[in-house]
Amino acid sequence: MFKLNENQLALEAAVMEPPNWVGQNGYAEVADNVHGALEVLDKNEDFFKMTLAVMVTPE
């Protein structure tokens, strides 16, 4: 679980770089759209963690 979370954080950091660059180079609307989509992933993070915890919990 720890490694999955670590991978998710690394992917988030990598995915945030292009929209940040785009926004800094005059395409704020495009950057805002990407950030909006990424917010959905962020909001669902806890749900996925709980789902994984339930799936991994030994019976």
PDB file of N, CA and C in Angstrom:
ATOM      1  N   MET A   1       0.827  -1.185   0.000  1.00  0.00           N
ATOM      2  CA  MET A   1       0.000   0.000   0.000  1.00  0.00           C
ATOM      3  C   MET A   1       0.875   1.255   0.000  1.00  0.00           C
ATOM      4  N   PHE A   2       1.924   1.218   0.807  1.00  0.00           N
ATOM      5  CA  PHE A   2       2.808   2.382   0.881  1.00  0.00           C
ATOM      6  C   PHE A   2       3.415   2.678  -0.483  1.00  0.00           C
ATOM      7  N   LYS A   3       3.861   1.640  -1.171  1.00  0.00           N
ATOM      8  CA  LYS A   3       4.487   1.828  -2.480  1.00  0.00           C
ATOM      9  C   LYS A   3       3.471   2.338  -3.509  1.00  0.00           C
ATOM     10  N   LEU A   4       2.229   1.863  -3.452  1.00  0.00           N
ATOM     11  CA  LEU A   4       1.197   2.375  -4.353  1.00  0.00           C
ATOM     12  C   LEU A   4       0.975   3.859  -4.121  1.00  0.00           C
ATOM     13  N   ASN A   5       0.908   4.250  -2.858  1.00  0.00           N
ATOM     14  CA  ASN A   5       0.730   5.668  -2.536  1.00  0.00           C
ATOM     15  C   ASN A   5       1.934   6.478  -2.991  1.00  0.00           C
ATOM     16  N   GLU A   6       3.108   5.945  -2.777  1.00  0.00           N
ATOM     17  CA  GLU A   6       4.334   6.629  -3.203  1.00  0.00           C
ATOM     18  C   GLU A   6       4.341   6.831  -4.723  1.00  0.00           C
ATOM     19  N   ASN A   7       3.927   5.798  -5.463  1.00  0.00           N
ATOM     20  CA  ASN A   7       3.844   5.911  -6.924  1.00  0.00           C
ATOM     21  C   ASN A   7       2.821   6.956  -7.335  1.00  0.00           C
ATOM     22  N   GLN A   8       1.688   6.981  -6.650  1.00  0.00           N
ATOM     23  CA  GLN A   8       0.651   7.954  -6.978  1.00  0.00           C
ATOM     24  C   GLN A   8       1.171   9.376  -6.783  1.00  0.00           C
ATOM     25  N   LEU A   9       1.885   9.615  -5.700  1.00  0.00           N
ATOM     26  CA  LEU A   9       2.426  10.952  -5.441  1.00  0.00           C
ATOM     27  C   LEU A   9       3.474  11.338  -6.487  1.00  0.00           C
ATOM     28  N   ALA A  10       4.288  10.375  -6.886  1.00  0.00           N
ATOM     29  CA  ALA A  10       5.302  10.647  -7.909  1.00  0.00           C
ATOM     30  C   ALA A  10       4.649  10.965  -9.251  1.00  0.00           C
ATOM     31  N   LEU A  11       3.614  10.206  -9.603  1.00  0.00           N
ATOM     32  CA  LEU A  11       2.901  10.475 -10.854  1.00  0.00           C
ATOM     33  C   LEU A  11       2.223  11.833 -10.814  1.00  0.00           C
ATOM     34  N   GLU A  12       1.645  12.172  -9.676  1.00  0.00           N
ATOM     35  CA  GLU A  12       0.995  13.481  -9.543  1.00  0.00           C
ATOM     36  C   GLU A  12       2.000  14.598  -9.771  1.00  0.00           C
ATOM     37  N   ALA A  13       3.168  14.478  -9.177  1.00  0.00           N
ATOM     38  CA  ALA A  13       4.197  15.507  -9.334  1.00  0.00           C
ATOM     39  C   ALA A  13       4.634  15.621 -10.798  1.00  0.00           C
ATOM     40  N   ALA A  14       4.786  14.485 -11.461  1.00  0.00           N
ATOM     41  CA  ALA A  14       5.208  14.497 -12.862  1.00  0.00           C
ATOM     42  C   ALA A  14       4.127  15.072 -13.775  1.00  0.00           C
ATOM     43  N   VAL A  15       2.878  14.729 -13.503  1.00  0.00           N
ATOM     44  CA  VAL A  15       1.770  15.182 -14.349  1.00  0.00           C
ATOM     45  C   VAL A  15       1.505  16.672 -14.159  1.00  0.00           C
ATOM     46  N   MET A  16       1.842  17.230 -13.021  1.00  0.00           N
ATOM     47  CA  MET A  16       1.602  18.646 -12.758  1.00  0.00           C
ATOM     48  C   MET A  16       2.582  19.561 -13.490  1.00  0.00           C
ATOM     49  N   GLU A  17       3.729  19.058 -13.863  1.00  0.00           N
ATOM     50  CA  GLU A  17       4.738  19.902 -14.500  1.00  0.00           C
ATOM     51  C   GLU A  17       4.286  20.494 -15.841  1.00  0.00           C
ATOM     52  N   PRO A  18       3.781  19.692 -16.785  1.00  0.00           N
ATOM     53  CA  PRO A  18       3.372  20.282 -18.075  1.00  0.00           C
ATOM     54  C   PRO A  18       2.286  21.364 -17.956  1.00  0.00           C
ATOM     55  N   PRO A  19       1.193  21.141 -17.196  1.00  0.00           N
ATOM     56  CA  PRO A  19       0.201  22.217 -17.121  1.00  0.00           C
ATOM     57  C   PRO A  19       0.743  23.471 -16.428  1.00  0.00           C
ATOM     58  N   ASN A  20       1.636  23.290 -15.480  1.00  0.00           N
ATOM     59  CA  ASN A  20       2.248  24.467 -14.851  1.00  0.00           C
ATOM     60  C   ASN A  20       3.058  25.257 -15.872  1.00  0.00           C
ATOM     61  N   TRP A  21       3.821  24.552 -16.683  1.00  0.00           N
ATOM     62  CA  TRP A  21       4.624  25.205 -17.718  1.00  0.00           C
ATOM     63  C   TRP A  21       3.725  25.893 -18.741  1.00  0.00           C
ATOM     64  N   VAL A  22       2.668  25.197 -19.162  1.00  0.00           N
ATOM     65  CA  VAL A  22       1.730  25.759 -20.131  1.00  0.00           C
ATOM     66  C   VAL A  22       1.116  27.047 -19.583  1.00  0.00           C
ATOM     67  N   GLY A  23       0.717  27.016 -18.317  1.00  0.00           N
ATOM     68  CA  GLY A  23       0.127  28.203 -17.699  1.00  0.00           C
ATOM     69  C   GLY A  23       1.097  29.366 -17.627  1.00  0.00           C
ATOM     70  N   GLN A  24       2.348  29.072 -17.375  1.00  0.00           N
ATOM     71  CA  GLN A  24       3.365  30.117 -17.279  1.00  0.00           C
ATOM     72  C   GLN A  24       3.730  30.693 -18.642  1.00  0.00           C
ATOM     73  N   ASN A  25       3.358  29.999 -19.694  1.00  0.00           N
ATOM     74  CA  ASN A  25       3.708  30.445 -21.036  1.00  0.00           C
ATOM     75  C   ASN A  25       2.504  30.962 -21.821  1.00  0.00           C
ATOM     76  N   GLY A  26       1.528  31.467 -21.103  1.00  0.00           N
ATOM     77  CA  GLY A  26       0.447  32.184 -21.747  1.00  0.00           C
ATOM     78  C   GLY A  26      -0.803  31.393 -22.084  1.00  0.00           C
ATOM     79  N   TYR A  27      -0.911  30.192 -21.628  1.00  0.00           N
ATOM     80  CA  TYR A  27      -2.090  29.386 -21.927  1.00  0.00           C
ATOM     81  C   TYR A  27      -2.814  29.015 -20.635  1.00  0.00           C
ATOM     82  N   ALA A  28      -3.205  30.025 -19.895  1.00  0.00           N
ATOM     83  CA  ALA A  28      -3.811  29.835 -18.575  1.00  0.00           C
ATOM     84  C   ALA A  28      -5.087  29.004 -18.648  1.00  0.00           C
ATOM     85  N   GLU A  29      -5.885  29.194 -19.694  1.00  0.00           N
ATOM     86  CA  GLU A  29      -7.145  28.449 -19.797  1.00  0.00           C
ATOM     87  C   GLU A  29      -6.888  26.946 -19.933  1.00  0.00           C
ATOM     88  N   VAL A  30      -5.904  26.585 -20.734  1.00  0.00           N
ATOM     89  CA  VAL A  30      -5.555  25.170 -20.900  1.00  0.00           C
ATOM     90  C   VAL A  30      -5.058  24.609 -19.571  1.00  0.00           C
ATOM     91  N   ALA A  31      -4.192  25.350 -18.910  1.00  0.00           N
ATOM     92  CA  ALA A  31      -3.661  24.907 -17.618  1.00  0.00           C
ATOM     93  C   ALA A  31      -4.789  24.751 -16.604  1.00  0.00           C
ATOM     94  N   ASP A  32      -5.735  25.679 -16.585  1.00  0.00           N
ATOM     95  CA  ASP A  32      -6.873  25.583 -15.661  1.00  0.00           C
ATOM     96  C   ASP A  32      -7.703  24.343 -15.938  1.00  0.00           C
ATOM     97  N   ASN A  33      -7.908  24.018 -17.202  1.00  0.00           N
ATOM     98  CA  ASN A  33      -8.674  22.820 -17.562  1.00  0.00           C
ATOM     99  C   ASN A  33      -7.987  21.552 -17.055  1.00  0.00           C
ATOM    100  N   VAL A  34      -6.680  21.480 -17.237  1.00  0.00           N
ATOM    101  CA  VAL A  34      -5.930  20.307 -16.782  1.00  0.00           C
ATOM    102  C   VAL A  34      -5.964  20.229 -15.258  1.00  0.00           C
ATOM    103  N   HIS A  35      -5.758  21.362 -14.594  1.00  0.00           N
ATOM    104  CA  HIS A  35      -5.798  21.357 -13.133  1.00  0.00           C
ATOM    105  C   HIS A  35      -7.177  20.936 -12.626  1.00  0.00           C
ATOM    106  N   GLY A  36      -8.223  21.357 -13.310  1.00  0.00           N
ATOM    107  CA  GLY A  36      -9.575  20.948 -12.923  1.00  0.00           C
ATOM    108  C   GLY A  36      -9.761  19.442 -13.019  1.00  0.00           C
ATOM    109  N   ALA A  37      -9.257  18.856 -14.083  1.00  0.00           N
ATOM    110  CA  ALA A  37      -9.351  17.404 -14.243  1.00  0.00           C
ATOM    111  C   ALA A  37      -8.539  16.685 -13.173  1.00  0.00           C
ATOM    112  N   LEU A  38      -7.378  17.216 -12.854  1.00  0.00           N
ATOM    113  CA  LEU A  38      -6.538  16.588 -11.835  1.00  0.00           C
ATOM    114  C   LEU A  38      -7.161  16.709 -10.440  1.00  0.00           C
ATOM    115  N   GLU A  39      -7.948  17.749 -10.201  1.00  0.00           N
ATOM    116  CA  GLU A  39      -8.633  17.893  -8.916  1.00  0.00           C
ATOM    117  C   GLU A  39      -9.602  16.744  -8.680  1.00  0.00           C
ATOM    118  N   VAL A  40     -10.231  16.256  -9.742  1.00  0.00           N
ATOM    119  CA  VAL A  40     -11.137  15.117  -9.608  1.00  0.00           C
ATOM    120  C   VAL A  40     -10.360  13.898  -9.100  1.00  0.00           C
ATOM    121  N   LEU A  41      -9.189  13.676  -9.671  1.00  0.00           N
ATOM    122  CA  LEU A  41      -8.363  12.561  -9.207  1.00  0.00           C
ATOM    123  C   LEU A  41      -7.979  12.737  -7.748  1.00  0.00           C
ATOM    124  N   ASP A  42      -7.654  13.945  -7.377  1.00  0.00           N
ATOM    125  CA  ASP A  42      -7.267  14.235  -5.999  1.00  0.00           C
ATOM    126  C   ASP A  42      -8.425  13.983  -5.041  1.00  0.00           C
ATOM    127  N   LYS A  43      -9.628  14.396  -5.428  1.00  0.00           N
ATOM    128  CA  LYS A  43     -10.806  14.194  -4.580  1.00  0.00           C
ATOM    129  C   LYS A  43     -11.112  12.712  -4.393  1.00  0.00           C
ATOM    130  N   ASN A  44     -10.811  11.893  -5.387  1.00  0.00           N
ATOM    131  CA  ASN A  44     -11.107  10.463  -5.314  1.00  0.00           C
ATOM    132  C   ASN A  44     -10.008   9.650  -4.644  1.00  0.00           C
ATOM    133  N   GLU A  45      -8.930  10.281  -4.270  1.00  0.00           N
ATOM    134  CA  GLU A  45      -7.784   9.575  -3.698  1.00  0.00           C
ATOM    135  C   GLU A  45      -8.169   8.766  -2.467  1.00  0.00           C
ATOM    136  N   ASP A  46      -8.909   9.360  -1.549  1.00  0.00           N
ATOM    137  CA  ASP A  46      -9.274   8.650  -0.319  1.00  0.00           C
ATOM    138  C   ASP A  46     -10.139   7.431  -0.613  1.00  0.00           C
ATOM    139  N   PHE A  47     -11.057   7.544  -1.577  1.00  0.00           N
ATOM    140  CA  PHE A  47     -11.902   6.415  -1.945  1.00  0.00           C
ATOM    141  C   PHE A  47     -11.047   5.247  -2.423  1.00  0.00           C
ATOM    142  N   PHE A  48     -10.068   5.521  -3.275  1.00  0.00           N
ATOM    143  CA  PHE A  48      -9.228   4.451  -3.791  1.00  0.00           C
ATOM    144  C   PHE A  48      -8.372   3.835  -2.692  1.00  0.00           C
ATOM    145  N   LYS A  49      -7.899   4.645  -1.766  1.00  0.00           N
ATOM    146  CA  LYS A  49      -7.118   4.109  -0.650  1.00  0.00           C
ATOM    147  C   LYS A  49      -7.972   3.181   0.193  1.00  0.00           C
ATOM    148  N   MET A  50      -9.225   3.591   0.486  1.00  0.00           N
ATOM    149  CA  MET A  50     -10.112   2.743   1.283  1.00  0.00           C
ATOM    150  C   MET A  50     -10.427   1.445   0.545  1.00  0.00           C
ATOM    151  N   THR A  51     -10.654   1.535  -0.756  1.00  0.00           N
ATOM    152  CA  THR A  51     -10.956   0.348  -1.543  1.00  0.00           C
ATOM    153  C   THR A  51      -9.790  -0.622  -1.533  1.00  0.00           C
ATOM    154  N   LEU A  52      -8.581  -0.107  -1.701  1.00  0.00           N
ATOM    155  CA  LEU A  52      -7.405  -0.959  -1.664  1.00  0.00           C
ATOM    156  C   LEU A  52      -7.222  -1.580  -0.290  1.00  0.00           C
ATOM    157  N   ALA A  53      -7.480  -0.827   0.752  1.00  0.00           N
ATOM    158  CA  ALA A  53      -7.346  -1.337   2.116  1.00  0.00           C
ATOM    159  C   ALA A  53      -8.299  -2.498   2.347  1.00  0.00           C
ATOM    160  N   VAL A  54      -9.513  -2.376   1.856  1.00  0.00           N
ATOM    161  CA  VAL A  54     -10.494  -3.443   2.023  1.00  0.00           C
ATOM    162  C   VAL A  54     -10.083  -4.680   1.222  1.00  0.00           C
ATOM    163  N   MET A  55      -9.569  -4.448   0.036  1.00  0.00           N
ATOM    164  CA  MET A  55      -9.174  -5.571  -0.826  1.00  0.00           C
ATOM    165  C   MET A  55      -7.961  -6.316  -0.273  1.00  0.00           C
ATOM    166  N   VAL A  56      -7.085  -5.606   0.409  1.00  0.00           N
ATOM    167  CA  VAL A  56      -5.840  -6.189   0.885  1.00  0.00           C
ATOM    168  C   VAL A  56      -5.969  -6.767   2.285  1.00  0.00           C
ATOM    169  N   THR A  57      -6.984  -6.353   3.034  1.00  0.00           N
ATOM    170  CA  THR A  57      -7.156  -6.803   4.419  1.00  0.00           C
ATOM    171  C   THR A  57      -7.386  -8.305   4.461  1.00  0.00           C
ATOM    172  N   PRO A  58      -6.552  -9.010   5.233  1.00  0.00           N
ATOM    173  CA  PRO A  58      -6.728 -10.466   5.329  1.00  0.00           C
ATOM    174  C   PRO A  58      -8.000 -10.810   6.112  1.00  0.00           C
ATOM    175  N   GLU A  59      -8.625 -11.909   5.739  1.00  0.00           N
ATOM    176  CA  GLU A  59      -9.864 -12.331   6.408  1.00  0.00           C
ATOM    177  C   GLU A  59      -9.579 -13.228   7.568  1.00  0.00           C
TER     178      GLU A  59
END
